[in-house]
Amino acid sequence: MLSVRMSAVGIVLGGGGITGAGFEMAALMAIELATGWNCNDADVVVGTSSGAFVAALVRSNRLDLDSMVLPTDDREAVARRIRDRIFSRRPGVKVGTWLRHGILPGVRSPGLTLLLGSPAPYDTAGLAEWVSEELGEEASRWPKMPTLIVAYDVAARRRVAFGTLDAPECGLADAVAASTAIPVVFRPWTIHGRHYVDGGVISGTHADLVLGNPRPLDLVLIIAPMAAEEDRAGAWVHERMFDRVGRRSLDEEARIIRGAWPECDILILRPTPQVLATMRPNPMDPDLAVPAFVRTLISMKKTLAEPEAWTILRRHLTAARLAKGS
């Protein structure tokens, strides 16, 4: 009998708003179409912000078109449903939280911390409900396979990777709601009395967390919607800034992984300028979700066929599929 060693694979799903989620879903589906590999077979999945939502779908085997589009939908219906789900208005804006954890520390050390805990027009309860409807009872539990959802503890001023031993226990829906609470847009999400905001405030990817896997990985697949290497035509200043910061964080995380696991392959998938043209300038625009998804599927046919990418995918993902079927 042919013996094929199964590669150990980690998936890192970065933040990137509504269009970033569409980019990640399309990229993962394109990889499955190209290799036959089910992304839920990954040894570890790390999700941040919109990547947290996609990670929840992956680990529940719910990564399919029905998660975004119903059979009777047109583009406007999809955008309307996403808008209703994500931009949920709830009472209870808490200025005290902002004063204690944002304004006062921000005065002493000006910067992004000034925004932490700030009042906002929306909260992520609608997204938590969406996760619960998609996943059913699994939304209130944690996946059996290693899964890390990254948020930022406002009071402790540190990242928290839900799914690790030093993080509070919670279900997937709560973790996703915490990880997607973008400051100023969404109010902090509370878990066991502690306030959390989007894990993207310190890194859009947190790829170094894969190093917590018990054994070295053979492949780390990183999908990074907010770390584009090329600007789209007419890119706004904030787009360039977010991508530059995202690249810097991701480059450092990749360096750390390579230092710890020299034999590990790292494949980073980023949006091309053509894909960015459908994702920007506002990645939180629900009207751009379907165009971003479709354009990414088209783009991935070329991206995955590039010799560097396909060599890695063939080495690890098709081998993993053969080993599972043997």
Protein backbone atom coordinates (compact mmCIF):
# COMPACT_ATOMS: atom_id res chain seq x y z
CA MET A 1 0.00 0.00 0.00
CA LEU A 2 1.28 3.49 -0.85
CA SER A 3 2.21 5.36 2.30
CA VAL A 4 1.96 9.15 2.17
CA ARG A 5 2.77 11.30 5.17
CA MET A 6 0.05 13.82 5.90
CA SER A 7 1.35 17.38 6.12
CA ALA A 8 0.58 19.38 9.23
CA VAL A 9 -1.16 22.56 8.08
CA GLY A 10 -2.11 25.77 9.85
CA ILE A 11 -4.49 28.41 8.51
CA VAL A 12 -4.30 32.07 9.51
CA LEU A 13 -7.29 34.24 8.57
CA GLY A 14 -6.64 37.95 8.97
CA GLY A 15 -8.95 40.89 9.46
CA GLY A 16 -10.31 42.86 6.56
CA GLY A 17 -13.92 43.87 7.12
CA ILE A 18 -16.89 42.57 5.17
CA THR A 19 -15.01 42.43 1.89
CA GLY A 20 -12.09 40.73 3.64
CA ALA A 21 -14.39 37.94 4.77
CA GLY A 22 -15.57 37.51 1.18
CA PHE A 23 -11.94 37.40 0.02
CA GLU A 24 -11.05 34.71 2.56
CA MET A 25 -14.10 32.56 1.85
CA ALA A 26 -13.42 32.67 -1.90
CA ALA A 27 -9.70 31.93 -1.41
CA LEU A 28 -10.39 28.87 0.74
CA MET A 29 -13.04 27.59 -1.66
CA ALA A 30 -10.63 28.08 -4.58
CA ILE A 31 -7.96 26.07 -2.74
CA GLU A 32 -10.42 23.24 -2.13
CA LEU A 33 -11.45 23.25 -5.80
CA ALA A 34 -7.80 23.17 -6.88
CA THR A 35 -6.53 20.52 -4.45
CA GLY A 36 -9.53 18.63 -3.07
CA TRP A 37 -8.37 19.52 0.44
CA ASN A 38 -10.96 20.40 3.10
CA CYS A 39 -9.73 23.41 5.09
CA ASN A 40 -11.40 22.00 8.23
CA ASP A 41 -8.68 19.33 8.19
CA ALA A 42 -6.14 21.99 9.21
CA ASP A 43 -4.24 21.21 12.40
CA VAL A 44 -4.85 24.73 13.72
CA VAL A 45 -6.91 27.70 12.58
CA VAL A 46 -6.26 31.28 13.76
CA GLY A 47 -8.88 33.94 13.07
CA THR A 48 -8.87 37.69 13.73
CA SER A 49 -11.74 40.12 13.19
CA SER A 50 -13.55 39.16 9.96
CA GLY A 51 -11.19 36.17 9.85
CA ALA A 52 -12.72 35.05 13.14
CA PHE A 53 -16.12 34.74 11.45
CA VAL A 54 -14.62 32.73 8.60
CA ALA A 55 -12.69 30.56 11.07
CA ALA A 56 -15.95 29.72 12.85
CA LEU A 57 -17.47 28.63 9.53
CA VAL A 58 -14.40 26.54 8.70
CA ARG A 59 -14.34 24.70 12.01
CA SER A 60 -18.05 23.94 11.76
CA ASN A 61 -17.87 22.71 8.15
CA ARG A 62 -20.15 25.56 7.13
CA LEU A 63 -17.87 27.24 4.63
CA ASP A 64 -20.18 27.28 1.64
CA LEU A 65 -22.11 29.70 -0.51
CA ASP A 66 -25.22 29.32 1.65
CA SER A 67 -23.37 31.17 4.41
CA MET A 68 -23.49 34.28 2.24
CA VAL A 69 -26.05 33.80 -0.51
CA LEU A 70 -29.45 32.12 -0.45
CA PRO A 71 -30.85 30.51 -3.64
CA THR A 72 -33.42 33.30 -4.08
CA ASP A 73 -30.98 36.17 -3.43
CA ASP A 74 -29.80 38.88 -5.75
CA ARG A 75 -26.86 41.13 -4.91
CA GLU A 76 -29.07 43.71 -3.19
CA ALA A 77 -30.67 41.06 -0.97
CA VAL A 78 -27.25 39.79 0.11
CA ALA A 79 -26.08 43.31 0.96
CA ARG A 80 -29.27 44.05 2.88
CA ARG A 81 -28.98 40.88 4.96
CA ILE A 82 -25.32 41.53 5.75
CA ARG A 83 -26.09 45.13 6.68
CA ASP A 84 -28.94 44.10 8.98
CA ARG A 85 -26.78 41.45 10.64
CA ILE A 86 -23.60 43.40 11.18
CA PHE A 87 -24.75 46.95 11.82
CA SER A 88 -26.88 46.17 14.85
CA ARG A 89 -27.96 49.10 17.03
CA ARG A 90 -28.46 48.36 20.73
CA PRO A 91 -29.01 50.65 23.73
CA GLY A 92 -26.41 51.11 26.42
CA VAL A 93 -23.49 53.22 25.20
CA LYS A 94 -21.03 53.18 28.12
CA VAL A 95 -18.96 56.35 28.31
CA GLY A 96 -17.43 55.18 31.60
CA THR A 97 -15.67 52.29 29.87
CA TRP A 98 -14.10 54.70 27.40
CA LEU A 99 -13.08 57.12 30.16
CA ARG A 100 -11.35 54.44 32.25
CA HIS A 101 -9.72 52.38 29.53
CA GLY A 102 -9.36 54.77 26.59
CA ILE A 103 -9.27 58.47 27.43
CA LEU A 104 -7.26 58.44 30.67
CA PRO A 105 -4.56 56.01 29.44
CA GLY A 106 -4.63 57.74 26.07
CA VAL A 107 -3.83 61.10 27.64
CA ARG A 108 -0.75 59.58 29.30
CA SER A 109 0.31 57.73 26.13
CA PRO A 110 -1.39 59.19 23.04
CA GLY A 111 -2.18 56.85 20.19
CA LEU A 112 -4.68 54.18 19.22
CA THR A 113 -5.35 53.45 22.90
CA LEU A 114 -7.41 56.64 23.04
CA LEU A 115 -10.10 54.86 20.98
CA LEU A 116 -10.30 51.69 23.07
CA GLY A 117 -13.68 51.26 24.71
CA SER A 118 -15.11 54.31 22.95
CA PRO A 119 -18.88 54.68 22.53
CA ALA A 120 -20.05 53.57 19.12
CA PRO A 121 -23.33 53.43 17.18
CA TYR A 122 -23.30 49.63 16.80
CA ASP A 123 -22.42 46.46 18.62
CA THR A 124 -21.59 42.98 17.38
CA ALA A 125 -24.64 41.23 18.85
CA GLY A 126 -26.09 40.86 15.37
CA LEU A 127 -22.97 39.07 14.20
CA ALA A 128 -23.07 36.78 17.24
CA GLU A 129 -26.68 35.94 16.36
CA TRP A 130 -25.65 35.25 12.76
CA VAL A 131 -22.96 32.83 13.96
CA SER A 132 -25.52 31.15 16.23
CA GLU A 133 -28.00 30.74 13.39
CA GLU A 134 -25.32 29.36 11.05
CA LEU A 135 -23.74 26.95 13.53
CA GLY A 136 -26.61 26.04 15.85
CA GLU A 137 -25.48 24.51 19.14
CA GLU A 138 -21.85 24.56 18.00
CA ALA A 139 -21.87 28.35 18.37
CA SER A 140 -22.08 28.04 22.16
CA ARG A 141 -19.21 25.53 22.34
CA TRP A 142 -15.59 25.41 21.27
CA PRO A 143 -14.41 23.26 18.35
CA LYS A 144 -12.61 20.02 19.14
CA MET A 145 -9.85 20.86 16.65
CA PRO A 146 -7.39 23.61 17.71
CA THR A 147 -8.99 26.98 16.95
CA LEU A 148 -7.81 30.40 18.10
CA ILE A 149 -9.94 33.53 17.89
CA VAL A 150 -8.01 36.71 18.71
CA ALA A 151 -9.41 39.76 20.50
CA TYR A 152 -7.92 42.58 22.58
CA ASP A 153 -8.58 42.93 26.31
CA VAL A 154 -9.24 46.65 26.82
CA ALA A 155 -8.37 46.79 30.52
CA ALA A 156 -5.35 44.45 30.45
CA ARG A 157 -4.10 45.96 27.17
CA ARG A 158 -3.09 42.65 25.67
CA ARG A 159 -4.24 40.26 23.02
CA VAL A 160 -6.31 37.30 24.10
CA ALA A 161 -6.46 34.17 21.98
CA PHE A 162 -9.71 32.44 22.84
CA GLY A 163 -9.18 28.71 22.57
CA THR A 164 -5.93 28.77 24.58
CA LEU A 165 -5.48 27.80 28.22
CA ASP A 166 -4.90 31.35 29.45
CA ALA A 167 -8.06 32.75 27.84
CA PRO A 168 -11.55 32.75 29.39
CA GLU A 169 -13.83 29.93 28.30
CA CYS A 170 -16.59 30.95 25.92
CA GLY A 171 -18.42 29.77 22.82
CA LEU A 172 -17.55 30.59 19.22
CA ALA A 173 -20.30 33.20 18.87
CA ASP A 174 -18.99 35.25 21.81
CA ALA A 175 -15.38 34.97 20.64
CA VAL A 176 -16.30 36.14 17.13
CA ALA A 177 -18.31 39.06 18.55
CA ALA A 178 -15.30 40.10 20.66
CA SER A 179 -12.79 39.74 17.82
CA THR A 180 -14.87 41.84 15.40
CA ALA A 181 -15.64 44.79 17.71
CA ILE A 182 -13.79 47.46 15.71
CA PRO A 183 -13.24 50.53 17.95
CA VAL A 184 -15.40 53.58 17.16
CA VAL A 185 -17.65 51.50 14.86
CA PHE A 186 -18.63 48.83 17.42
CA ARG A 187 -18.79 48.94 21.20
CA PRO A 188 -16.59 46.54 23.17
CA TRP A 189 -17.98 43.03 23.67
CA THR A 190 -18.20 41.76 27.23
CA ILE A 191 -17.22 38.22 28.27
CA HIS A 192 -17.20 37.31 31.95
CA GLY A 193 -17.18 40.97 32.90
CA ARG A 194 -14.20 41.94 30.72
CA HIS A 195 -14.35 44.21 27.68
CA TYR A 196 -12.84 43.13 24.37
CA VAL A 197 -12.34 44.85 21.03
CA ASP A 198 -11.09 43.80 17.60
CA GLY A 199 -7.85 41.82 17.75
CA GLY A 200 -6.72 43.76 14.71
CA VAL A 201 -5.81 46.80 16.82
CA ILE A 202 -2.31 45.31 17.29
CA SER A 203 -2.06 42.91 14.32
CA GLY A 204 -4.30 41.95 11.47
CA THR A 205 -3.10 38.35 11.44
CA HIS A 206 -1.40 37.13 14.67
CA ALA A 207 0.22 34.40 12.59
CA ASP A 208 2.83 33.69 15.26
CA LEU A 209 0.14 32.01 17.36
CA VAL A 210 0.50 28.89 15.20
CA LEU A 211 3.72 28.24 17.13
CA GLY A 212 1.55 26.97 19.97
CA ASN A 213 0.82 23.86 17.92
CA PRO A 214 2.25 20.76 19.67
CA ARG A 215 4.37 19.84 16.65
CA PRO A 216 5.97 21.95 13.92
CA LEU A 217 3.71 22.62 10.97
CA ASP A 218 4.74 21.79 7.42
CA LEU A 219 2.67 24.60 5.92
CA VAL A 220 1.23 27.83 7.29
CA LEU A 221 -1.36 29.26 4.91
CA ILE A 222 -1.97 32.95 5.64
CA ILE A 223 -4.84 34.83 4.00
CA ALA A 224 -4.31 38.54 4.61
CA PRO A 225 -6.91 40.93 3.14
CA MET A 226 -5.29 43.97 4.81
CA ALA A 227 -1.66 43.41 3.81
CA ALA A 228 -1.73 44.02 0.06
CA GLU A 229 1.66 44.48 -1.61
CA GLU A 230 0.37 46.72 -4.41
CA ASP A 231 -2.06 49.62 -4.21
CA ARG A 232 -5.16 49.74 -6.31
CA ALA A 233 -5.46 52.61 -8.75
CA GLY A 234 -6.65 55.68 -6.87
CA ALA A 235 -6.12 54.12 -3.43
CA TRP A 236 -7.00 56.40 -0.53
CA VAL A 237 -4.48 57.34 2.15
CA HIS A 238 -6.11 55.14 4.81
CA GLU A 239 -5.88 52.10 2.51
CA ARG A 240 -2.14 52.54 2.05
CA MET A 241 -1.69 53.02 5.78
CA PHE A 242 -3.63 49.89 6.76
CA ASP A 243 -1.82 47.77 4.19
CA ARG A 244 1.57 49.11 5.24
CA VAL A 245 0.89 48.36 8.92
CA GLY A 246 -0.53 44.97 8.00
CA ARG A 247 2.53 44.05 5.95
CA ARG A 248 4.87 45.12 8.72
CA SER A 249 3.13 42.99 11.34
CA LEU A 250 2.82 40.01 9.02
CA ASP A 251 6.46 40.17 7.92
CA GLU A 252 7.58 40.08 11.54
CA GLU A 253 5.26 37.18 12.37
CA ALA A 254 6.50 35.23 9.34
CA ARG A 255 10.08 35.88 10.44
CA ILE A 256 9.31 34.48 13.89
CA ILE A 257 7.71 31.36 12.40
CA ARG A 258 10.64 30.74 10.07
CA GLY A 259 13.06 31.17 12.97
CA ALA A 260 11.24 28.56 15.04
CA TRP A 261 10.38 26.16 12.19
CA PRO A 262 12.99 26.54 9.42
CA GLU A 263 11.49 23.69 7.39
CA CYS A 264 7.97 25.13 7.40
CA ASP A 265 6.57 26.52 4.14
CA ILE A 266 4.63 29.78 4.43
CA LEU A 267 2.17 30.72 1.70
CA ILE A 268 0.62 34.20 1.95
CA LEU A 269 -2.40 35.07 -0.17
CA ARG A 270 -3.14 38.78 -0.53
CA PRO A 271 -5.58 40.70 -2.73
CA THR A 272 -4.25 41.90 -6.08
CA PRO A 273 -4.93 45.47 -7.25
CA GLN A 274 -7.74 44.09 -9.43
CA VAL A 275 -9.37 42.43 -6.41
CA LEU A 276 -8.79 45.53 -4.30
CA ALA A 277 -10.77 47.50 -6.86
CA THR A 278 -13.87 45.58 -5.72
CA MET A 279 -12.96 45.54 -1.98
CA ARG A 280 -12.12 49.19 -1.35
CA PRO A 281 -12.13 52.00 -0.38
CA ASN A 282 -14.61 50.94 2.32
CA PRO A 283 -14.11 47.29 3.34
CA MET A 284 -17.16 47.53 5.62
CA ASP A 285 -19.54 48.23 2.71
CA PRO A 286 -22.03 45.32 2.40
CA ASP A 287 -22.65 46.21 -1.26
CA LEU A 288 -19.08 45.13 -2.05
CA ALA A 289 -19.32 41.66 -0.47
CA VAL A 290 -20.51 39.72 -3.52
CA PRO A 291 -18.27 41.54 -6.04
CA ALA A 292 -15.24 40.92 -3.78
CA PHE A 293 -16.11 37.23 -3.47
CA VAL A 294 -16.58 36.76 -7.22
CA ARG A 295 -13.50 38.74 -8.22
CA THR A 296 -11.40 36.76 -5.73
CA LEU A 297 -12.54 33.45 -7.19
CA ILE A 298 -11.54 34.66 -10.64
CA SER A 299 -8.20 35.99 -9.39
CA MET A 300 -7.33 32.84 -7.44
CA LYS A 301 -7.32 30.74 -10.59
CA LYS A 302 -4.20 32.62 -11.68
CA THR A 303 -2.72 33.14 -8.21
CA LEU A 304 -2.83 29.48 -7.21
CA ALA A 305 -1.44 28.40 -10.58
CA GLU A 306 1.74 30.44 -10.09
CA PRO A 307 4.68 27.99 -9.79
CA GLU A 308 5.66 29.14 -6.30
CA ALA A 309 2.13 28.79 -4.92
CA TRP A 310 1.16 25.60 -6.74
CA THR A 311 4.38 23.80 -5.80
CA ILE A 312 3.62 24.39 -2.12
CA LEU A 313 -0.05 23.47 -2.43
CA ARG A 314 0.72 20.30 -4.36
CA ARG A 315 3.41 19.26 -1.87
CA HIS A 316 1.24 19.64 1.21
CA LEU A 317 -2.46 19.73 0.40
CA THR A 318 -2.75 17.10 -2.31
CA ALA A 319 -0.46 14.86 -0.23
CA ALA A 320 -2.68 15.40 2.79
CA ARG A 321 -5.75 14.46 0.74
CA LEU A 322 -4.08 11.28 -0.54
CA ALA A 323 -2.97 10.31 2.96
CA LYS A 324 -6.45 10.77 4.34
CA GLY A 325 -7.93 8.61 1.60
CA SER A 326 -5.32 5.85 1.81
